[in-house]
Amino acid sequence: MEIRKEEPKIKCLCCDKMLTDFEATRKHAVTGMFIDLCQQCFKTVQSDSHLPTKDRQDLISADDMDDSVEEEDDNHVDSKDY
């Protein structure tokens, strides 16, 4: 019998929604800490605080695109140095 280990599910710190892979891998560009917010909550926080982020664009899905933060954001750092 094979024991199957499930991947841990990460939830949004604000609304408790399950995060997508894209949302779960978003990090603060300076501190390197995971942000752990869904797109909706992140957009709300981002509009007030302008957090510089490192995002895994290769993990973005159609669900993320529907709620995605505008790409013109000056605080976005696209890097694969995770």
PDB file of N, CA and C in Angstrom:
ATOM      1  N   MET A   1       0.847  -1.181   0.000  1.00  0.00           N
ATOM      2  CA  MET A   1       0.000   0.000   0.000  1.00  0.00           C
ATOM      3  C   MET A   1       0.890   1.241   0.000  1.00  0.00           C
ATOM      4  N   GLU A   2       0.630   2.112  -0.919  1.00  0.00           N
ATOM      5  CA  GLU A   2       1.417   3.329  -1.045  1.00  0.00           C
ATOM      6  C   GLU A   2       0.805   4.449  -0.206  1.00  0.00           C
ATOM      7  N   ILE A   3       1.626   5.076   0.604  1.00  0.00           N
ATOM      8  CA  ILE A   3       1.157   6.217   1.402  1.00  0.00           C
ATOM      9  C   ILE A   3       1.377   7.473   0.585  1.00  0.00           C
ATOM     10  N   ARG A   4       0.318   8.193   0.382  1.00  0.00           N
ATOM     11  CA  ARG A   4       0.379   9.405  -0.432  1.00  0.00           C
ATOM     12  C   ARG A   4       0.342  10.625   0.463  1.00  0.00           C
ATOM     13  N   LYS A   5       1.362  11.427   0.356  1.00  0.00           N
ATOM     14  CA  LYS A   5       1.444  12.634   1.165  1.00  0.00           C
ATOM     15  C   LYS A   5       0.872  13.797   0.368  1.00  0.00           C
ATOM     16  N   GLU A   6      -0.109  14.474   0.942  1.00  0.00           N
ATOM     17  CA  GLU A   6      -0.709  15.622   0.273  1.00  0.00           C
ATOM     18  C   GLU A   6       0.153  16.853   0.479  1.00  0.00           C
ATOM     19  N   GLU A   7       0.142  17.713  -0.538  1.00  0.00           N
ATOM     20  CA  GLU A   7       0.847  18.984  -0.411  1.00  0.00           C
ATOM     21  C   GLU A   7       0.093  19.863   0.568  1.00  0.00           C
ATOM     22  N   PRO A   8       0.805  20.625   1.375  1.00  0.00           N
ATOM     23  CA  PRO A   8       0.109  21.524   2.298  1.00  0.00           C
ATOM     24  C   PRO A   8      -0.647  22.598   1.513  1.00  0.00           C
ATOM     25  N   LYS A   9      -1.826  22.908   1.976  1.00  0.00           N
ATOM     26  CA  LYS A   9      -2.642  23.939   1.352  1.00  0.00           C
ATOM     27  C   LYS A   9      -2.426  25.245   2.109  1.00  0.00           C
ATOM     28  N   ILE A  10      -2.139  26.285   1.362  1.00  0.00           N
ATOM     29  CA  ILE A  10      -1.872  27.574   1.976  1.00  0.00           C
ATOM     30  C   ILE A  10      -3.089  28.462   1.773  1.00  0.00           C
ATOM     31  N   LYS A  11      -3.494  29.134   2.832  1.00  0.00           N
ATOM     32  CA  LYS A  11      -4.677  29.994   2.774  1.00  0.00           C
ATOM     33  C   LYS A  11      -4.279  31.454   2.926  1.00  0.00           C
ATOM     34  N   CYS A  12      -5.128  32.319   2.385  1.00  0.00           N
ATOM     35  CA  CYS A  12      -4.935  33.767   2.486  1.00  0.00           C
ATOM     36  C   CYS A  12      -4.999  34.177   3.958  1.00  0.00           C
ATOM     37  N   LEU A  13      -4.068  35.003   4.369  1.00  0.00           N
ATOM     38  CA  LEU A  13      -4.029  35.459   5.759  1.00  0.00           C
ATOM     39  C   LEU A  13      -5.195  36.369   6.112  1.00  0.00           C
ATOM     40  N   CYS A  14      -5.815  36.987   5.104  1.00  0.00           N
ATOM     41  CA  CYS A  14      -6.926  37.914   5.361  1.00  0.00           C
ATOM     42  C   CYS A  14      -8.298  37.242   5.291  1.00  0.00           C
ATOM     43  N   CYS A  15      -8.557  36.516   4.190  1.00  0.00           N
ATOM     44  CA  CYS A  15      -9.911  35.989   3.967  1.00  0.00           C
ATOM     45  C   CYS A  15     -10.019  34.476   4.088  1.00  0.00           C
ATOM     46  N   ASP A  16      -8.915  33.776   4.305  1.00  0.00           N
ATOM     47  CA  ASP A  16      -8.869  32.333   4.503  1.00  0.00           C
ATOM     48  C   ASP A  16      -9.180  31.525   3.235  1.00  0.00           C
ATOM     49  N   LYS A  17      -9.126  32.149   2.059  1.00  0.00           N
ATOM     50  CA  LYS A  17      -9.334  31.461   0.781  1.00  0.00           C
ATOM     51  C   LYS A  17      -8.077  30.663   0.448  1.00  0.00           C
ATOM     52  N   MET A  18      -8.250  29.492  -0.196  1.00  0.00           N
ATOM     53  CA  MET A  18      -7.113  28.695  -0.625  1.00  0.00           C
ATOM     54  C   MET A  18      -6.350  29.459  -1.702  1.00  0.00           C
ATOM     55  N   LEU A  19      -5.024  29.484  -1.596  1.00  0.00           N
ATOM     56  CA  LEU A  19      -4.202  30.210  -2.563  1.00  0.00           C
ATOM     57  C   LEU A  19      -3.833  29.314  -3.733  1.00  0.00           C
ATOM     58  N   THR A  20      -3.736  29.932  -4.911  1.00  0.00           N
ATOM     59  CA  THR A  20      -3.212  29.227  -6.078  1.00  0.00           C
ATOM     60  C   THR A  20      -1.704  29.123  -5.920  1.00  0.00           C
ATOM     61  N   ASP A  21      -1.058  28.337  -6.775  1.00  0.00           N
ATOM     62  CA  ASP A  21       0.405  28.235  -6.722  1.00  0.00           C
ATOM     63  C   ASP A  21       1.044  29.603  -6.932  1.00  0.00           C
ATOM     64  N   PHE A  22       0.492  30.386  -7.854  1.00  0.00           N
ATOM     65  CA  PHE A  22       1.013  31.726  -8.120  1.00  0.00           C
ATOM     66  C   PHE A  22       0.931  32.604  -6.871  1.00  0.00           C
ATOM     67  N   GLU A  23      -0.236  32.613  -6.230  1.00  0.00           N
ATOM     68  CA  GLU A  23      -0.422  33.437  -5.035  1.00  0.00           C
ATOM     69  C   GLU A  23       0.451  32.950  -3.881  1.00  0.00           C
ATOM     70  N   ALA A  24       0.584  31.639  -3.748  1.00  0.00           N
ATOM     71  CA  ALA A  24       1.332  31.052  -2.628  1.00  0.00           C
ATOM     72  C   ALA A  24       2.840  31.251  -2.747  1.00  0.00           C
ATOM     73  N   THR A  25       3.326  31.580  -3.936  1.00  0.00           N
ATOM     74  CA  THR A  25       4.773  31.763  -4.113  1.00  0.00           C
ATOM     75  C   THR A  25       5.180  33.226  -4.213  1.00  0.00           C
ATOM     76  N   ARG A  26       4.244  34.145  -4.052  1.00  0.00           N
ATOM     77  CA  ARG A  26       4.567  35.582  -4.102  1.00  0.00           C
ATOM     78  C   ARG A  26       5.366  35.958  -2.857  1.00  0.00           C
ATOM     79  N   LYS A  27       6.504  36.615  -3.085  1.00  0.00           N
ATOM     80  CA  LYS A  27       7.382  37.034  -1.984  1.00  0.00           C
ATOM     81  C   LYS A  27       7.609  38.537  -1.998  1.00  0.00           C
ATOM     82  N   HIS A  28       7.934  39.066  -0.841  1.00  0.00           N
ATOM     83  CA  HIS A  28       8.361  40.460  -0.733  1.00  0.00           C
ATOM     84  C   HIS A  28       9.745  40.556  -1.362  1.00  0.00           C
ATOM     85  N   ALA A  29       9.948  41.509  -2.253  1.00  0.00           N
ATOM     86  CA  ALA A  29      11.205  41.604  -3.003  1.00  0.00           C
ATOM     87  C   ALA A  29      12.409  41.950  -2.131  1.00  0.00           C
ATOM     88  N   VAL A  30      12.196  42.600  -1.021  1.00  0.00           N
ATOM     89  CA  VAL A  30      13.312  43.011  -0.160  1.00  0.00           C
ATOM     90  C   VAL A  30      13.588  41.975   0.934  1.00  0.00           C
ATOM     91  N   THR A  31      12.538  41.558   1.636  1.00  0.00           N
ATOM     92  CA  THR A  31      12.731  40.647   2.773  1.00  0.00           C
ATOM     93  C   THR A  31      12.761  39.182   2.365  1.00  0.00           C
ATOM     94  N   GLY A  32      12.167  38.856   1.205  1.00  0.00           N
ATOM     95  CA  GLY A  32      12.100  37.467   0.775  1.00  0.00           C
ATOM     96  C   GLY A  32      11.037  36.658   1.480  1.00  0.00           C
ATOM     97  N   MET A  33      10.228  37.295   2.303  1.00  0.00           N
ATOM     98  CA  MET A  33       9.167  36.589   3.031  1.00  0.00           C
ATOM     99  C   MET A  33       7.951  36.396   2.130  1.00  0.00           C
ATOM    100  N   PHE A  34       7.290  35.245   2.285  1.00  0.00           N
ATOM    101  CA  PHE A  34       6.069  34.980   1.533  1.00  0.00           C
ATOM    102  C   PHE A  34       4.970  35.927   2.001  1.00  0.00           C
ATOM    103  N   ILE A  35       4.160  36.402   1.057  1.00  0.00           N
ATOM    104  CA  ILE A  35       3.104  37.363   1.379  1.00  0.00           C
ATOM    105  C   ILE A  35       1.811  36.660   1.769  1.00  0.00           C
ATOM    106  N   ASP A  36       1.500  35.507   1.176  1.00  0.00           N
ATOM    107  CA  ASP A  36       0.341  34.674   1.542  1.00  0.00           C
ATOM    108  C   ASP A  36      -0.990  35.415   1.529  1.00  0.00           C
ATOM    109  N   LEU A  37      -1.237  36.141   0.457  1.00  0.00           N
ATOM    110  CA  LEU A  37      -2.526  36.804   0.255  1.00  0.00           C
ATOM    111  C   LEU A  37      -3.083  36.396  -1.103  1.00  0.00           C
ATOM    112  N   CYS A  38      -4.409  36.230  -1.194  1.00  0.00           N
ATOM    113  CA  CYS A  38      -5.036  35.966  -2.486  1.00  0.00           C
ATOM    114  C   CYS A  38      -4.957  37.247  -3.325  1.00  0.00           C
ATOM    115  N   GLN A  39      -5.256  37.139  -4.610  1.00  0.00           N
ATOM    116  CA  GLN A  39      -5.156  38.297  -5.498  1.00  0.00           C
ATOM    117  C   GLN A  39      -6.033  39.448  -5.024  1.00  0.00           C
ATOM    118  N   GLN A  40      -7.259  39.132  -4.621  1.00  0.00           N
ATOM    119  CA  GLN A  40      -8.202  40.180  -4.194  1.00  0.00           C
ATOM    120  C   GLN A  40      -7.658  40.930  -2.981  1.00  0.00           C
ATOM    121  N   CYS A  41      -7.219  40.233  -1.973  1.00  0.00           N
ATOM    122  CA  CYS A  41      -6.677  40.868  -0.766  1.00  0.00           C
ATOM    123  C   CYS A  41      -5.358  41.569  -1.078  1.00  0.00           C
ATOM    124  N   PHE A  42      -4.530  40.955  -1.925  1.00  0.00           N
ATOM    125  CA  PHE A  42      -3.266  41.576  -2.289  1.00  0.00           C
ATOM    126  C   PHE A  42      -3.490  42.914  -2.990  1.00  0.00           C
ATOM    127  N   LYS A  43      -4.473  42.977  -3.899  1.00  0.00           N
ATOM    128  CA  LYS A  43      -4.756  44.233  -4.596  1.00  0.00           C
ATOM    129  C   LYS A  43      -5.154  45.325  -3.612  1.00  0.00           C
ATOM    130  N   THR A  44      -5.931  44.957  -2.595  1.00  0.00           N
ATOM    131  CA  THR A  44      -6.348  45.926  -1.575  1.00  0.00           C
ATOM    132  C   THR A  44      -5.149  46.441  -0.791  1.00  0.00           C
ATOM    133  N   VAL A  45      -4.291  45.532  -0.345  1.00  0.00           N
ATOM    134  CA  VAL A  45      -3.088  45.916   0.399  1.00  0.00           C
ATOM    135  C   VAL A  45      -2.145  46.713  -0.496  1.00  0.00           C
ATOM    136  N   GLN A  46      -1.967  46.255  -1.732  1.00  0.00           N
ATOM    137  CA  GLN A  46      -1.041  46.891  -2.671  1.00  0.00           C
ATOM    138  C   GLN A  46      -1.451  48.328  -2.972  1.00  0.00           C
ATOM    139  N   SER A  47      -2.752  48.603  -3.025  1.00  0.00           N
ATOM    140  CA  SER A  47      -3.212  49.960  -3.327  1.00  0.00           C
ATOM    141  C   SER A  47      -2.836  50.943  -2.214  1.00  0.00           C
ATOM    142  N   ASP A  48      -2.664  50.435  -0.995  1.00  0.00           N
ATOM    143  CA  ASP A  48      -2.295  51.289   0.136  1.00  0.00           C
ATOM    144  C   ASP A  48      -0.796  51.308   0.418  1.00  0.00           C
ATOM    145  N   SER A  49      -0.113  50.184   0.209  1.00  0.00           N
ATOM    146  CA  SER A  49       1.268  50.084   0.683  1.00  0.00           C
ATOM    147  C   SER A  49       2.326  49.969  -0.407  1.00  0.00           C
ATOM    148  N   HIS A  50       1.969  49.595  -1.610  1.00  0.00           N
ATOM    149  CA  HIS A  50       2.910  49.463  -2.733  1.00  0.00           C
ATOM    150  C   HIS A  50       4.097  48.565  -2.389  1.00  0.00           C
ATOM    151  N   LEU A  51       3.801  47.312  -2.051  1.00  0.00           N
ATOM    152  CA  LEU A  51       4.838  46.341  -1.718  1.00  0.00           C
ATOM    153  C   LEU A  51       5.620  45.917  -2.960  1.00  0.00           C
ATOM    154  N   PRO A  52       6.943  45.934  -2.890  1.00  0.00           N
ATOM    155  CA  PRO A  52       7.720  45.372  -4.001  1.00  0.00           C
ATOM    156  C   PRO A  52       7.664  43.847  -3.901  1.00  0.00           C
ATOM    157  N   THR A  53       7.344  43.176  -4.995  1.00  0.00           N
ATOM    158  CA  THR A  53       7.166  41.729  -4.945  1.00  0.00           C
ATOM    159  C   THR A  53       7.987  41.005  -5.996  1.00  0.00           C
ATOM    160  N   LYS A  54       8.242  39.723  -5.709  1.00  0.00           N
ATOM    161  CA  LYS A  54       8.807  38.789  -6.679  1.00  0.00           C
ATOM    162  C   LYS A  54       7.711  37.769  -6.934  1.00  0.00           C
ATOM    163  N   ASP A  55       7.284  37.667  -8.183  1.00  0.00           N
ATOM    164  CA  ASP A  55       6.203  36.759  -8.542  1.00  0.00           C
ATOM    165  C   ASP A  55       6.702  35.685  -9.486  1.00  0.00           C
ATOM    166  N   ARG A  56       6.153  34.501  -9.377  1.00  0.00           N
ATOM    167  CA  ARG A  56       6.456  33.391 -10.289  1.00  0.00           C
ATOM    168  C   ARG A  56       5.483  33.463 -11.456  1.00  0.00           C
ATOM    169  N   GLN A  57       5.824  34.227 -12.477  1.00  0.00           N
ATOM    170  CA  GLN A  57       4.946  34.390 -13.629  1.00  0.00           C
ATOM    171  C   GLN A  57       4.687  33.067 -14.342  1.00  0.00           C
ATOM    172  N   ASP A  58       5.606  32.108 -14.214  1.00  0.00           N
ATOM    173  CA  ASP A  58       5.415  30.808 -14.853  1.00  0.00           C
ATOM    174  C   ASP A  58       4.306  29.997 -14.196  1.00  0.00           C
ATOM    175  N   LEU A  59       3.860  30.394 -13.003  1.00  0.00           N
ATOM    176  CA  LEU A  59       2.793  29.678 -12.299  1.00  0.00           C
ATOM    177  C   LEU A  59       1.429  30.338 -12.439  1.00  0.00           C
ATOM    178  N   ILE A  60       1.361  31.459 -13.116  1.00  0.00           N
ATOM    179  CA  ILE A  60       0.100  32.180 -13.222  1.00  0.00           C
ATOM    180  C   ILE A  60      -0.897  31.371 -14.056  1.00  0.00           C
ATOM    181  N   SER A  61      -2.143  31.338 -13.598  1.00  0.00           N
ATOM    182  CA  SER A  61      -3.194  30.591 -14.287  1.00  0.00           C
ATOM    183  C   SER A  61      -4.290  31.554 -14.733  1.00  0.00           C
ATOM    184  N   ALA A  62      -5.263  31.037 -15.437  1.00  0.00           N
ATOM    185  CA  ALA A  62      -6.388  31.861 -15.888  1.00  0.00           C
ATOM    186  C   ALA A  62      -7.120  32.472 -14.695  1.00  0.00           C
ATOM    187  N   ASP A  63      -7.244  31.712 -13.605  1.00  0.00           N
ATOM    188  CA  ASP A  63      -7.904  32.247 -12.409  1.00  0.00           C
ATOM    189  C   ASP A  63      -7.140  33.438 -11.843  1.00  0.00           C
ATOM    190  N   ASP A  64      -5.819  33.364 -11.870  1.00  0.00           N
ATOM    191  CA  ASP A  64      -5.004  34.470 -11.381  1.00  0.00           C
ATOM    192  C   ASP A  64      -5.113  35.682 -12.304  1.00  0.00           C
ATOM    193  N   MET A  65      -5.182  35.424 -13.603  1.00  0.00           N
ATOM    194  CA  MET A  65      -5.251  36.507 -14.581  1.00  0.00           C
ATOM    195  C   MET A  65      -6.526  37.319 -14.425  1.00  0.00           C
ATOM    196  N   ASP A  66      -7.629  36.672 -14.070  1.00  0.00           N
ATOM    197  CA  ASP A  66      -8.898  37.370 -13.907  1.00  0.00           C
ATOM    198  C   ASP A  66      -8.819  38.428 -12.820  1.00  0.00           C
ATOM    199  N   ASP A  67      -8.056  38.135 -11.767  1.00  0.00           N
ATOM    200  CA  ASP A  67      -7.945  39.046 -10.634  1.00  0.00           C
ATOM    201  C   ASP A  67      -6.575  39.695 -10.524  1.00  0.00           C
ATOM    202  N   SER A  68      -5.741  39.561 -11.551  1.00  0.00           N
ATOM    203  CA  SER A  68      -4.342  39.953 -11.416  1.00  0.00           C
ATOM    204  C   SER A  68      -4.142  41.443 -11.218  1.00  0.00           C
ATOM    205  N   VAL A  69      -3.051  41.746 -10.546  1.00  0.00           N
ATOM    206  CA  VAL A  69      -2.633  43.121 -10.333  1.00  0.00           C
ATOM    207  C   VAL A  69      -2.067  43.640 -11.643  1.00  0.00           C
ATOM    208  N   GLU A  70      -2.297  44.885 -11.961  1.00  0.00           N
ATOM    209  CA  GLU A  70      -1.844  45.447 -13.219  1.00  0.00           C
ATOM    210  C   GLU A  70      -0.348  45.262 -13.399  1.00  0.00           C
ATOM    211  N   GLU A  71       0.051  44.830 -14.599  1.00  0.00           N
ATOM    212  CA  GLU A  71       1.451  44.551 -14.896  1.00  0.00           C
ATOM    213  C   GLU A  71       2.313  45.813 -14.925  1.00  0.00           C
ATOM    214  N   GLU A  72       1.718  46.978 -15.083  1.00  0.00           N
ATOM    215  CA  GLU A  72       2.495  48.212 -15.146  1.00  0.00           C
ATOM    216  C   GLU A  72       3.000  48.651 -13.775  1.00  0.00           C
ATOM    217  N   ASP A  73       2.687  47.890 -12.764  1.00  0.00           N
ATOM    218  CA  ASP A  73       3.065  48.236 -11.406  1.00  0.00           C
ATOM    219  C   ASP A  73       4.578  48.355 -11.274  1.00  0.00           C
ATOM    220  N   ASP A  74       5.052  49.513 -10.831  1.00  0.00           N
ATOM    221  CA  ASP A  74       6.486  49.768 -10.691  1.00  0.00           C
ATOM    222  C   ASP A  74       7.111  48.960  -9.559  1.00  0.00           C
ATOM    223  N   ASN A  75       6.307  48.405  -8.662  1.00  0.00           N
ATOM    224  CA  ASN A  75       6.836  47.690  -7.505  1.00  0.00           C
ATOM    225  C   ASN A  75       7.001  46.201  -7.756  1.00  0.00           C
ATOM    226  N   HIS A  76       6.705  45.736  -8.948  1.00  0.00           N
ATOM    227  CA  HIS A  76       6.827  44.322  -9.280  1.00  0.00           C
ATOM    228  C   HIS A  76       8.254  44.016  -9.734  1.00  0.00           C
ATOM    229  N   VAL A  77       8.828  42.990  -9.165  1.00  0.00           N
ATOM    230  CA  VAL A  77      10.158  42.545  -9.565  1.00  0.00           C
ATOM    231  C   VAL A  77       9.986  41.132 -10.104  1.00  0.00           C
ATOM    232  N   ASP A  78      10.246  40.938 -11.395  1.00  0.00           N
ATOM    233  CA  ASP A  78      10.125  39.619 -11.990  1.00  0.00           C
ATOM    234  C   ASP A  78      11.482  38.934 -11.943  1.00  0.00           C
ATOM    235  N   SER A  79      11.561  37.940 -11.082  1.00  0.00           N
ATOM    236  CA  SER A  79      12.819  37.243 -10.900  1.00  0.00           C
ATOM    237  C   SER A  79      12.548  35.794 -10.574  1.00  0.00           C
ATOM    238  N   LYS A  80      13.406  34.897 -11.003  1.00  0.00           N
ATOM    239  CA  LYS A  80      13.262  33.495 -10.660  1.00  0.00           C
ATOM    240  C   LYS A  80      14.306  33.076  -9.637  1.00  0.00           C
ATOM    241  N   ASP A  81      14.857  34.021  -8.916  1.00  0.00           N
ATOM    242  CA  ASP A  81      15.852  33.733  -7.887  1.00  0.00           C
ATOM    243  C   ASP A  81      15.113  33.518  -6.579  1.00  0.00           C
ATOM    244  N   TYR A  82      14.500  32.355  -6.428  1.00  0.00           N
ATOM    245  CA  TYR A  82      13.708  32.062  -5.239  1.00  0.00           C
ATOM    246  C   TYR A  82      14.491  31.177  -4.359  1.00  0.00           C
TER     247      TYR A  82
END
